[in-house]
Amino acid sequence: MNNNTNKFVAVLDESLEKGVAMNILGHMGVAMGNSAEDFTGVDNFSDLSGNTHNAMAKYPFIVLKSSQEKIKEIYENAKNSKLSVIGAPTEVYTTYTDEEFVKQVAQKSSEEIQYFGVCLYGDAEKVNEFTGGLSLYK
């Protein structure tokens, strides 16, 4: 897990309660895992007892915090880069089904959409261009 050429960075809305923030982080992690390539170091493996363990990300995964405004700015600017970018519109938390989520977001312009989080994956230096100076989520 010491390969630092790439990295993941999630930026969460600093005003969210911790439980909500962790829920948003989980949604973005699943979405990123479904779309990013080459982020696990090994295939699943077994321990001495024969229990199977899943591979983990081979790159650092940093969680930062910022305002919704800054998160939207990061999302809008990074989506046209060569990074993998996952945005978590506020509707990801206020809807209960995929269909409801898609319907609500699809009825808004990009200017109207607000984000609870954004996740970036790719070249570490490029990720830093978008997230440098942000505070660690604690």
C-alpha atoms as a PDB file:
ATOM      1  CA  MET A   1       0.000   0.000   0.000  1.00  0.00           C
ATOM      2  CA  ASN A   2       2.991   2.332  -0.334  1.00  0.00           C
ATOM      3  CA  ASN A   3       2.479   3.321  -3.956  1.00  0.00           C
ATOM      4  CA  ASN A   4       2.075   7.104  -3.995  1.00  0.00           C
ATOM      5  CA  THR A   5       1.823   7.789  -7.724  1.00  0.00           C
ATOM      6  CA  ASN A   6      -1.968   7.906  -7.415  1.00  0.00           C
ATOM      7  CA  LYS A   7      -4.313   8.665  -4.578  1.00  0.00           C
ATOM      8  CA  PHE A   8      -7.935   8.962  -3.559  1.00  0.00           C
ATOM      9  CA  VAL A   9      -9.223  12.079  -1.862  1.00  0.00           C
ATOM     10  CA  ALA A  10     -12.760  12.499  -0.596  1.00  0.00           C
ATOM     11  CA  VAL A  11     -13.929  15.952   0.416  1.00  0.00           C
ATOM     12  CA  LEU A  12     -16.979  16.070   2.690  1.00  0.00           C
ATOM     13  CA  ASP A  13     -19.268  18.950   3.586  1.00  0.00           C
ATOM     14  CA  GLU A  14     -17.907  20.257   6.880  1.00  0.00           C
ATOM     15  CA  SER A  15     -21.415  21.126   8.130  1.00  0.00           C
ATOM     16  CA  LEU A  16     -22.701  17.525   7.996  1.00  0.00           C
ATOM     17  CA  GLU A  17     -23.236  15.464  11.138  1.00  0.00           C
ATOM     18  CA  LYS A  18     -20.600  12.703  11.302  1.00  0.00           C
ATOM     19  CA  GLY A  19     -23.080   9.890  10.677  1.00  0.00           C
ATOM     20  CA  VAL A  20     -24.413  11.576   7.544  1.00  0.00           C
ATOM     21  CA  ALA A  21     -20.870  12.353   6.384  1.00  0.00           C
ATOM     22  CA  MET A  22     -19.855   8.688   6.768  1.00  0.00           C
ATOM     23  CA  ASN A  23     -22.942   7.643   4.795  1.00  0.00           C
ATOM     24  CA  ILE A  24     -21.975  10.026   1.982  1.00  0.00           C
ATOM     25  CA  LEU A  25     -18.385   8.746   2.102  1.00  0.00           C
ATOM     26  CA  GLY A  26     -19.659   5.173   1.787  1.00  0.00           C
ATOM     27  CA  HIS A  27     -21.786   6.020  -1.244  1.00  0.00           C
ATOM     28  CA  MET A  28     -18.876   7.768  -2.954  1.00  0.00           C
ATOM     29  CA  GLY A  29     -16.496   4.912  -2.122  1.00  0.00           C
ATOM     30  CA  VAL A  30     -18.819   2.352  -3.692  1.00  0.00           C
ATOM     31  CA  ALA A  31     -19.291   4.533  -6.773  1.00  0.00           C
ATOM     32  CA  MET A  32     -15.549   5.120  -7.121  1.00  0.00           C
ATOM     33  CA  GLY A  33     -14.778   1.444  -6.660  1.00  0.00           C
ATOM     34  CA  ASN A  34     -17.225   0.701  -9.444  1.00  0.00           C
ATOM     35  CA  SER A  35     -15.641   3.170 -11.859  1.00  0.00           C
ATOM     36  CA  ALA A  36     -11.920   3.576 -11.087  1.00  0.00           C
ATOM     37  CA  GLU A  37      -9.333   1.207 -12.511  1.00  0.00           C
ATOM     38  CA  ASP A  38      -6.162  -0.251 -11.029  1.00  0.00           C
ATOM     39  CA  PHE A  39      -6.742   0.720  -7.429  1.00  0.00           C
ATOM     40  CA  THR A  40      -6.282  -2.583  -5.630  1.00  0.00           C
ATOM     41  CA  GLY A  41      -2.823  -4.021  -5.177  1.00  0.00           C
ATOM     42  CA  VAL A  42      -3.647  -7.722  -5.073  1.00  0.00           C
ATOM     43  CA  ASP A  43      -6.512 -10.074  -5.737  1.00  0.00           C
ATOM     44  CA  ASN A  44      -8.499 -11.505  -2.850  1.00  0.00           C
ATOM     45  CA  PHE A  45      -6.314 -13.747  -0.700  1.00  0.00           C
ATOM     46  CA  SER A  46      -6.561 -16.296   2.109  1.00  0.00           C
ATOM     47  CA  ASP A  47      -5.059 -16.400   5.591  1.00  0.00           C
ATOM     48  CA  LEU A  48      -3.587 -19.546   7.204  1.00  0.00           C
ATOM     49  CA  SER A  49      -7.066 -20.616   8.340  1.00  0.00           C
ATOM     50  CA  GLY A  50      -8.396 -20.464   4.791  1.00  0.00           C
ATOM     51  CA  ASN A  51     -10.538 -17.369   5.358  1.00  0.00           C
ATOM     52  CA  THR A  52     -10.754 -15.115   2.303  1.00  0.00           C
ATOM     53  CA  HIS A  53      -9.869 -11.436   2.613  1.00  0.00           C
ATOM     54  CA  ASN A  54     -10.657  -8.745   0.067  1.00  0.00           C
ATOM     55  CA  ALA A  55      -7.984  -6.653  -1.558  1.00  0.00           C
ATOM     56  CA  MET A  56      -7.606  -3.108  -0.268  1.00  0.00           C
ATOM     57  CA  ALA A  57      -6.751   0.081  -2.113  1.00  0.00           C
ATOM     58  CA  LYS A  58      -3.061   0.238  -2.919  1.00  0.00           C
ATOM     59  CA  TYR A  59      -3.066   4.018  -2.914  1.00  0.00           C
ATOM     60  CA  PRO A  60      -3.606   6.466  -0.054  1.00  0.00           C
ATOM     61  CA  PHE A  61      -7.236   7.414   0.671  1.00  0.00           C
ATOM     62  CA  ILE A  62      -7.439  10.801   2.374  1.00  0.00           C
ATOM     63  CA  VAL A  63     -10.651  12.345   3.726  1.00  0.00           C
ATOM     64  CA  LEU A  64     -10.834  16.128   3.867  1.00  0.00           C
ATOM     65  CA  LYS A  65     -13.527  18.675   4.675  1.00  0.00           C
ATOM     66  CA  SER A  66     -14.726  21.885   3.086  1.00  0.00           C
ATOM     67  CA  SER A  67     -17.792  23.991   2.368  1.00  0.00           C
ATOM     68  CA  GLN A  68     -20.479  22.945  -0.099  1.00  0.00           C
ATOM     69  CA  GLU A  69     -19.421  25.836  -2.317  1.00  0.00           C
ATOM     70  CA  LYS A  70     -15.802  24.648  -2.460  1.00  0.00           C
ATOM     71  CA  ILE A  71     -16.904  21.037  -3.015  1.00  0.00           C
ATOM     72  CA  LYS A  72     -18.979  22.122  -5.999  1.00  0.00           C
ATOM     73  CA  GLU A  73     -16.054  24.138  -7.354  1.00  0.00           C
ATOM     74  CA  ILE A  74     -13.749  21.123  -7.031  1.00  0.00           C
ATOM     75  CA  TYR A  75     -16.307  18.878  -8.742  1.00  0.00           C
ATOM     76  CA  GLU A  76     -16.921  21.295 -11.620  1.00  0.00           C
ATOM     77  CA  ASN A  77     -13.211  21.888 -12.243  1.00  0.00           C
ATOM     78  CA  ALA A  78     -12.021  18.297 -11.763  1.00  0.00           C
ATOM     79  CA  LYS A  79     -14.674  16.618 -13.920  1.00  0.00           C
ATOM     80  CA  ASN A  80     -12.909  17.871 -17.046  1.00  0.00           C
ATOM     81  CA  SER A  81      -9.514  16.595 -15.919  1.00  0.00           C
ATOM     82  CA  LYS A  82      -8.068  13.127 -16.428  1.00  0.00           C
ATOM     83  CA  LEU A  83      -9.044  12.172 -12.873  1.00  0.00           C
ATOM     84  CA  SER A  84     -11.900   9.874 -11.898  1.00  0.00           C
ATOM     85  CA  VAL A  85     -14.450  12.144 -10.221  1.00  0.00           C
ATOM     86  CA  ILE A  86     -17.508  11.171  -8.176  1.00  0.00           C
ATOM     87  CA  GLY A  87     -19.856  13.858  -6.920  1.00  0.00           C
ATOM     88  CA  ALA A  88     -22.436  13.238  -4.199  1.00  0.00           C
ATOM     89  CA  PRO A  89     -25.383  15.545  -4.847  1.00  0.00           C
ATOM     90  CA  THR A  90     -27.396  16.350  -1.728  1.00  0.00           C
ATOM     91  CA  GLU A  91     -30.182  14.170  -3.117  1.00  0.00           C
ATOM     92  CA  VAL A  92     -28.084  11.067  -2.437  1.00  0.00           C
ATOM     93  CA  TYR A  93     -29.094  11.516   1.197  1.00  0.00           C
ATOM     94  CA  THR A  94     -32.610  12.895   0.811  1.00  0.00           C
ATOM     95  CA  THR A  95     -33.958  10.167  -1.497  1.00  0.00           C
ATOM     96  CA  TYR A  96     -34.649   6.519  -0.758  1.00  0.00           C
ATOM     97  CA  THR A  97     -34.384   4.723  -4.105  1.00  0.00           C
ATOM     98  CA  ASP A  98     -32.091   4.937  -7.113  1.00  0.00           C
ATOM     99  CA  GLU A  99     -35.068   5.881  -9.261  1.00  0.00           C
ATOM    100  CA  GLU A 100     -36.042   8.743  -6.957  1.00  0.00           C
ATOM    101  CA  PHE A 101     -32.408   9.953  -6.801  1.00  0.00           C
ATOM    102  CA  VAL A 102     -31.989   9.908 -10.575  1.00  0.00           C
ATOM    103  CA  LYS A 103     -35.351  11.606 -11.144  1.00  0.00           C
ATOM    104  CA  GLN A 104     -34.615  14.460  -8.729  1.00  0.00           C
ATOM    105  CA  VAL A 105     -31.089  15.141  -9.989  1.00  0.00           C
ATOM    106  CA  ALA A 106     -32.108  14.842 -13.653  1.00  0.00           C
ATOM    107  CA  GLN A 107     -34.666  17.619 -13.151  1.00  0.00           C
ATOM    108  CA  LYS A 108     -31.997  20.144 -12.128  1.00  0.00           C
ATOM    109  CA  SER A 109     -29.432  22.113 -14.070  1.00  0.00           C
ATOM    110  CA  SER A 110     -25.804  21.789 -13.021  1.00  0.00           C
ATOM    111  CA  GLU A 111     -26.041  25.264 -11.486  1.00  0.00           C
ATOM    112  CA  GLU A 112     -28.850  24.072  -9.177  1.00  0.00           C
ATOM    113  CA  ILE A 113     -27.122  20.918  -7.942  1.00  0.00           C
ATOM    114  CA  GLN A 114     -25.411  21.123  -4.562  1.00  0.00           C
ATOM    115  CA  TYR A 115     -22.941  18.512  -3.296  1.00  0.00           C
ATOM    116  CA  PHE A 116     -22.367  16.896   0.089  1.00  0.00           C
ATOM    117  CA  GLY A 117     -19.077  15.471  -1.169  1.00  0.00           C
ATOM    118  CA  VAL A 118     -16.699  14.827  -4.011  1.00  0.00           C
ATOM    119  CA  CYS A 119     -14.184  12.022  -4.467  1.00  0.00           C
ATOM    120  CA  LEU A 120     -11.153  12.223  -6.754  1.00  0.00           C
ATOM    121  CA  TYR A 121      -8.841   9.427  -7.858  1.00  0.00           C
ATOM    122  CA  GLY A 122      -5.791   9.542 -10.058  1.00  0.00           C
ATOM    123  CA  ASP A 123      -2.378  11.149 -10.310  1.00  0.00           C
ATOM    124  CA  ALA A 124      -1.474  12.377  -6.828  1.00  0.00           C
ATOM    125  CA  GLU A 125      -0.068  15.698  -8.029  1.00  0.00           C
ATOM    126  CA  LYS A 126      -3.206  16.402 -10.083  1.00  0.00           C
ATOM    127  CA  VAL A 127      -5.471  15.502  -7.143  1.00  0.00           C
ATOM    128  CA  ASN A 128      -3.425  17.868  -4.961  1.00  0.00           C
ATOM    129  CA  GLU A 129      -4.056  20.706  -7.428  1.00  0.00           C
ATOM    130  CA  PHE A 130      -7.770  20.482  -6.584  1.00  0.00           C
ATOM    131  CA  THR A 131      -7.570  19.656  -2.882  1.00  0.00           C
ATOM    132  CA  GLY A 132      -4.383  21.293  -1.601  1.00  0.00           C
ATOM    133  CA  GLY A 133      -4.908  23.468   1.445  1.00  0.00           C
ATOM    134  CA  LEU A 134      -8.071  21.721   2.647  1.00  0.00           C
ATOM    135  CA  SER A 135      -8.270  20.452   6.222  1.00  0.00           C
ATOM    136  CA  LEU A 136      -8.298  16.824   7.256  1.00  0.00           C
ATOM    137  CA  TYR A 137     -11.751  15.515   8.218  1.00  0.00           C
ATOM    138  CA  LYS A 138     -11.658  14.581  11.912  1.00  0.00           C
END
